[in-house]
């Protein structure tokens, strides 16, 4: 694993801002491989212009998050088959 890779718990605050609830324990399913796991178990990449969350099993993209200059967020969760809140 790349030493710059964090787990999904590293973005707990951002997820809470977006969803308004604790999300690291919410279970999601990877749309690519079917792995079911808490969002806190995803692989988090935070060094770029946004946040990238990847499946911890197949490394496919699950979620992308970008904060806009006006403070709103853009969220792409196409890689999640579902997220159970």
N, C-alpha and C. Protein backbone atom coordinates (compact mmCIF):
# COMPACT_ATOMS: atom_id res chain seq x y z
N UNK A 1 0.85 -1.18 0.00
CA UNK A 1 0.00 0.00 0.00
C UNK A 1 0.89 1.24 0.00
N UNK A 2 0.47 2.25 -0.70
CA UNK A 2 1.16 3.54 -0.77
C UNK A 2 1.13 4.19 0.61
N UNK A 3 2.27 4.67 1.12
CA UNK A 3 2.28 5.28 2.46
C UNK A 3 1.44 6.55 2.57
N UNK A 4 1.07 7.14 1.44
CA UNK A 4 0.22 8.34 1.46
C UNK A 4 -1.26 7.99 1.56
N UNK A 5 -1.58 6.70 1.47
CA UNK A 5 -2.96 6.25 1.53
C UNK A 5 -3.45 6.22 2.97
N UNK A 6 -4.61 6.79 3.20
CA UNK A 6 -5.24 6.79 4.51
C UNK A 6 -6.48 5.91 4.43
N UNK A 7 -7.16 5.72 5.56
CA UNK A 7 -8.45 5.04 5.47
C UNK A 7 -9.56 6.08 5.50
N UNK A 8 -10.76 5.63 5.27
CA UNK A 8 -11.90 6.54 5.18
C UNK A 8 -12.16 7.35 6.45
N UNK A 9 -11.64 6.89 7.58
CA UNK A 9 -11.81 7.65 8.83
C UNK A 9 -11.15 9.01 8.74
N UNK A 10 -10.17 9.16 7.86
CA UNK A 10 -9.46 10.44 7.71
C UNK A 10 -10.36 11.54 7.15
N UNK A 11 -11.45 11.16 6.52
CA UNK A 11 -12.36 12.16 5.95
C UNK A 11 -13.71 12.16 6.67
N UNK A 12 -13.72 11.70 7.91
CA UNK A 12 -14.95 11.64 8.70
C UNK A 12 -15.62 13.00 8.81
N UNK A 13 -14.84 14.05 9.02
CA UNK A 13 -15.41 15.39 9.16
C UNK A 13 -16.09 15.86 7.90
N UNK A 14 -15.46 15.62 6.77
CA UNK A 14 -16.04 16.02 5.49
C UNK A 14 -17.34 15.26 5.22
N UNK A 15 -17.32 13.94 5.46
CA UNK A 15 -18.52 13.15 5.25
C UNK A 15 -19.65 13.62 6.17
N UNK A 16 -19.31 13.98 7.40
CA UNK A 16 -20.32 14.48 8.33
C UNK A 16 -20.90 15.81 7.85
N UNK A 17 -20.06 16.69 7.30
CA UNK A 17 -20.55 17.96 6.75
C UNK A 17 -21.54 17.73 5.62
N UNK A 18 -21.25 16.75 4.77
CA UNK A 18 -22.10 16.49 3.60
C UNK A 18 -23.40 15.81 4.01
N UNK A 19 -23.31 14.75 4.81
CA UNK A 19 -24.48 13.94 5.12
C UNK A 19 -25.18 14.33 6.43
N UNK A 20 -24.48 15.05 7.30
CA UNK A 20 -25.09 15.49 8.56
C UNK A 20 -25.15 14.42 9.64
N UNK A 21 -24.55 13.27 9.39
CA UNK A 21 -24.49 12.18 10.37
C UNK A 21 -23.12 11.51 10.27
N UNK A 22 -22.79 10.72 11.28
CA UNK A 22 -21.55 9.95 11.28
C UNK A 22 -21.62 8.93 10.14
N UNK A 23 -20.69 9.00 9.20
CA UNK A 23 -20.75 8.15 8.01
C UNK A 23 -19.68 7.07 7.96
N UNK A 24 -18.67 7.12 8.81
CA UNK A 24 -17.60 6.13 8.70
C UNK A 24 -18.08 4.73 9.07
N UNK A 25 -19.18 4.64 9.82
CA UNK A 25 -19.73 3.33 10.17
C UNK A 25 -20.85 2.90 9.23
N UNK A 26 -21.28 3.79 8.32
CA UNK A 26 -22.31 3.44 7.34
C UNK A 26 -21.72 2.42 6.37
N UNK A 27 -22.47 1.39 6.08
CA UNK A 27 -21.97 0.32 5.20
C UNK A 27 -22.36 0.62 3.76
N UNK A 28 -21.38 0.47 2.89
CA UNK A 28 -21.62 0.63 1.46
C UNK A 28 -21.18 -0.61 0.71
N UNK A 29 -21.62 -0.72 -0.53
CA UNK A 29 -21.22 -1.84 -1.39
C UNK A 29 -20.51 -1.29 -2.61
N UNK A 30 -19.35 -1.83 -2.90
CA UNK A 30 -18.60 -1.45 -4.09
C UNK A 30 -19.38 -1.93 -5.32
N UNK A 31 -19.65 -1.03 -6.24
CA UNK A 31 -20.38 -1.39 -7.45
C UNK A 31 -19.55 -2.25 -8.40
N UNK A 32 -18.24 -2.30 -8.18
CA UNK A 32 -17.35 -3.03 -9.07
C UNK A 32 -17.17 -4.48 -8.64
N UNK A 33 -16.84 -4.71 -7.35
CA UNK A 33 -16.54 -6.07 -6.90
C UNK A 33 -17.57 -6.62 -5.92
N UNK A 34 -18.48 -5.77 -5.43
CA UNK A 34 -19.52 -6.22 -4.52
C UNK A 34 -19.11 -6.24 -3.06
N UNK A 35 -17.89 -5.84 -2.74
CA UNK A 35 -17.44 -5.82 -1.35
C UNK A 35 -18.34 -4.90 -0.52
N UNK A 36 -18.76 -5.40 0.64
CA UNK A 36 -19.57 -4.60 1.58
C UNK A 36 -18.70 -4.29 2.78
N UNK A 37 -18.60 -2.99 3.13
CA UNK A 37 -17.76 -2.57 4.25
C UNK A 37 -18.15 -1.18 4.69
N UNK A 38 -17.80 -0.82 5.93
CA UNK A 38 -18.04 0.55 6.39
C UNK A 38 -17.23 1.55 5.55
N UNK A 39 -17.75 2.76 5.38
CA UNK A 39 -17.04 3.76 4.60
C UNK A 39 -15.68 4.08 5.22
N UNK A 40 -15.54 3.90 6.51
CA UNK A 40 -14.26 4.13 7.17
C UNK A 40 -13.18 3.16 6.71
N UNK A 41 -13.57 2.05 6.08
CA UNK A 41 -12.60 1.07 5.59
C UNK A 41 -12.13 1.36 4.16
N UNK A 42 -12.74 2.34 3.50
CA UNK A 42 -12.31 2.69 2.14
C UNK A 42 -10.90 3.27 2.17
N UNK A 43 -10.21 3.21 1.06
CA UNK A 43 -8.89 3.83 0.93
C UNK A 43 -9.09 5.28 0.55
N UNK A 44 -8.51 6.19 1.31
CA UNK A 44 -8.72 7.62 1.09
C UNK A 44 -7.45 8.27 0.56
N UNK A 45 -7.61 9.06 -0.48
CA UNK A 45 -6.52 9.83 -1.07
C UNK A 45 -6.93 11.30 -0.97
N UNK A 46 -6.18 12.08 -0.21
CA UNK A 46 -6.60 13.44 0.10
C UNK A 46 -5.62 14.50 -0.38
N UNK A 47 -4.56 14.13 -1.05
CA UNK A 47 -3.52 15.08 -1.43
C UNK A 47 -3.79 15.90 -2.68
N UNK A 48 -4.85 15.62 -3.39
CA UNK A 48 -5.12 16.32 -4.64
C UNK A 48 -6.12 17.45 -4.46
N UNK A 49 -6.73 17.87 -5.53
CA UNK A 49 -7.70 18.96 -5.46
C UNK A 49 -9.01 18.54 -4.79
N UNK A 50 -9.20 17.25 -4.59
CA UNK A 50 -10.40 16.74 -3.94
C UNK A 50 -10.05 15.50 -3.16
N UNK A 51 -11.06 14.78 -2.73
CA UNK A 51 -10.89 13.53 -1.98
C UNK A 51 -11.34 12.39 -2.87
N UNK A 52 -10.54 11.33 -2.91
CA UNK A 52 -10.89 10.14 -3.67
C UNK A 52 -10.97 8.98 -2.68
N UNK A 53 -12.07 8.25 -2.71
CA UNK A 53 -12.26 7.07 -1.87
C UNK A 53 -12.36 5.85 -2.77
N UNK A 54 -11.49 4.87 -2.51
CA UNK A 54 -11.43 3.65 -3.31
C UNK A 54 -11.74 2.43 -2.47
N UNK A 55 -12.22 1.39 -3.12
CA UNK A 55 -12.53 0.12 -2.47
C UNK A 55 -11.24 -0.48 -1.90
N UNK A 56 -11.32 -1.00 -0.70
CA UNK A 56 -10.14 -1.60 -0.06
C UNK A 56 -9.83 -2.98 -0.61
N UNK A 57 -10.73 -3.56 -1.39
CA UNK A 57 -10.51 -4.89 -1.96
C UNK A 57 -10.02 -4.79 -3.41
N UNK A 58 -10.75 -4.08 -4.26
CA UNK A 58 -10.40 -4.04 -5.68
C UNK A 58 -9.74 -2.72 -6.11
N UNK A 59 -9.69 -1.73 -5.23
CA UNK A 59 -9.08 -0.42 -5.48
C UNK A 59 -9.81 0.43 -6.52
N UNK A 60 -11.00 0.01 -6.91
CA UNK A 60 -11.78 0.82 -7.87
C UNK A 60 -12.36 2.05 -7.15
N UNK A 61 -12.64 3.06 -7.93
CA UNK A 61 -13.19 4.31 -7.41
C UNK A 61 -14.60 4.10 -6.88
N UNK A 62 -14.83 4.51 -5.64
CA UNK A 62 -16.16 4.42 -5.04
C UNK A 62 -16.79 5.81 -4.94
N UNK A 63 -16.01 6.80 -4.52
CA UNK A 63 -16.57 8.13 -4.29
C UNK A 63 -15.51 9.20 -4.53
N UNK A 64 -15.94 10.31 -5.13
CA UNK A 64 -15.09 11.50 -5.27
C UNK A 64 -15.81 12.67 -4.63
N UNK A 65 -15.04 13.50 -3.91
CA UNK A 65 -15.62 14.65 -3.24
C UNK A 65 -14.75 15.87 -3.54
N UNK A 66 -15.39 16.94 -3.94
CA UNK A 66 -14.66 18.19 -4.18
C UNK A 66 -15.42 19.33 -3.52
N UNK A 67 -14.68 20.17 -2.82
CA UNK A 67 -15.30 21.37 -2.22
C UNK A 67 -15.11 22.53 -3.17
N UNK A 68 -16.22 23.19 -3.48
CA UNK A 68 -16.20 24.33 -4.41
C UNK A 68 -15.81 25.60 -3.65
N UNK A 69 -15.37 26.62 -4.37
CA UNK A 69 -15.00 27.88 -3.73
C UNK A 69 -16.12 28.52 -2.90
N UNK A 70 -17.38 28.25 -3.27
CA UNK A 70 -18.49 28.82 -2.50
C UNK A 70 -18.83 28.02 -1.24
N UNK A 71 -18.05 26.94 -0.98
CA UNK A 71 -18.25 26.13 0.22
C UNK A 71 -19.14 24.92 0.02
N UNK A 72 -19.82 24.83 -1.12
CA UNK A 72 -20.65 23.66 -1.38
C UNK A 72 -19.76 22.50 -1.85
N UNK A 73 -20.33 21.31 -1.87
CA UNK A 73 -19.59 20.12 -2.27
C UNK A 73 -20.15 19.54 -3.55
N UNK A 74 -19.28 18.94 -4.33
CA UNK A 74 -19.67 18.08 -5.45
C UNK A 74 -19.31 16.67 -5.02
N UNK A 75 -20.26 15.76 -5.12
CA UNK A 75 -20.05 14.38 -4.70
C UNK A 75 -20.44 13.45 -5.83
N UNK A 76 -19.54 12.56 -6.18
CA UNK A 76 -19.80 11.55 -7.20
C UNK A 76 -19.65 10.20 -6.50
N UNK A 77 -20.75 9.48 -6.35
CA UNK A 77 -20.71 8.19 -5.66
C UNK A 77 -21.16 7.06 -6.59
N UNK A 78 -20.85 7.20 -7.88
CA UNK A 78 -21.25 6.17 -8.86
C UNK A 78 -20.66 4.80 -8.56
N UNK A 79 -19.52 4.78 -7.88
CA UNK A 79 -18.86 3.51 -7.59
C UNK A 79 -19.44 2.79 -6.40
N UNK A 80 -20.44 3.38 -5.75
CA UNK A 80 -21.11 2.74 -4.63
C UNK A 80 -22.42 2.14 -5.12
N UNK A 81 -22.55 0.85 -4.99
CA UNK A 81 -23.82 0.20 -5.35
C UNK A 81 -24.92 0.71 -4.45
N UNK A 82 -24.60 0.91 -3.19
CA UNK A 82 -25.49 1.56 -2.23
C UNK A 82 -24.68 1.99 -1.01
N UNK A 83 -25.26 2.89 -0.23
CA UNK A 83 -24.72 3.27 1.07
C UNK A 83 -25.89 3.21 2.04
N UNK A 84 -25.77 2.35 3.06
CA UNK A 84 -26.84 2.19 4.03
C UNK A 84 -26.58 3.13 5.21
N UNK A 85 -27.46 4.11 5.41
CA UNK A 85 -27.32 5.11 6.46
C UNK A 85 -28.31 4.81 7.58
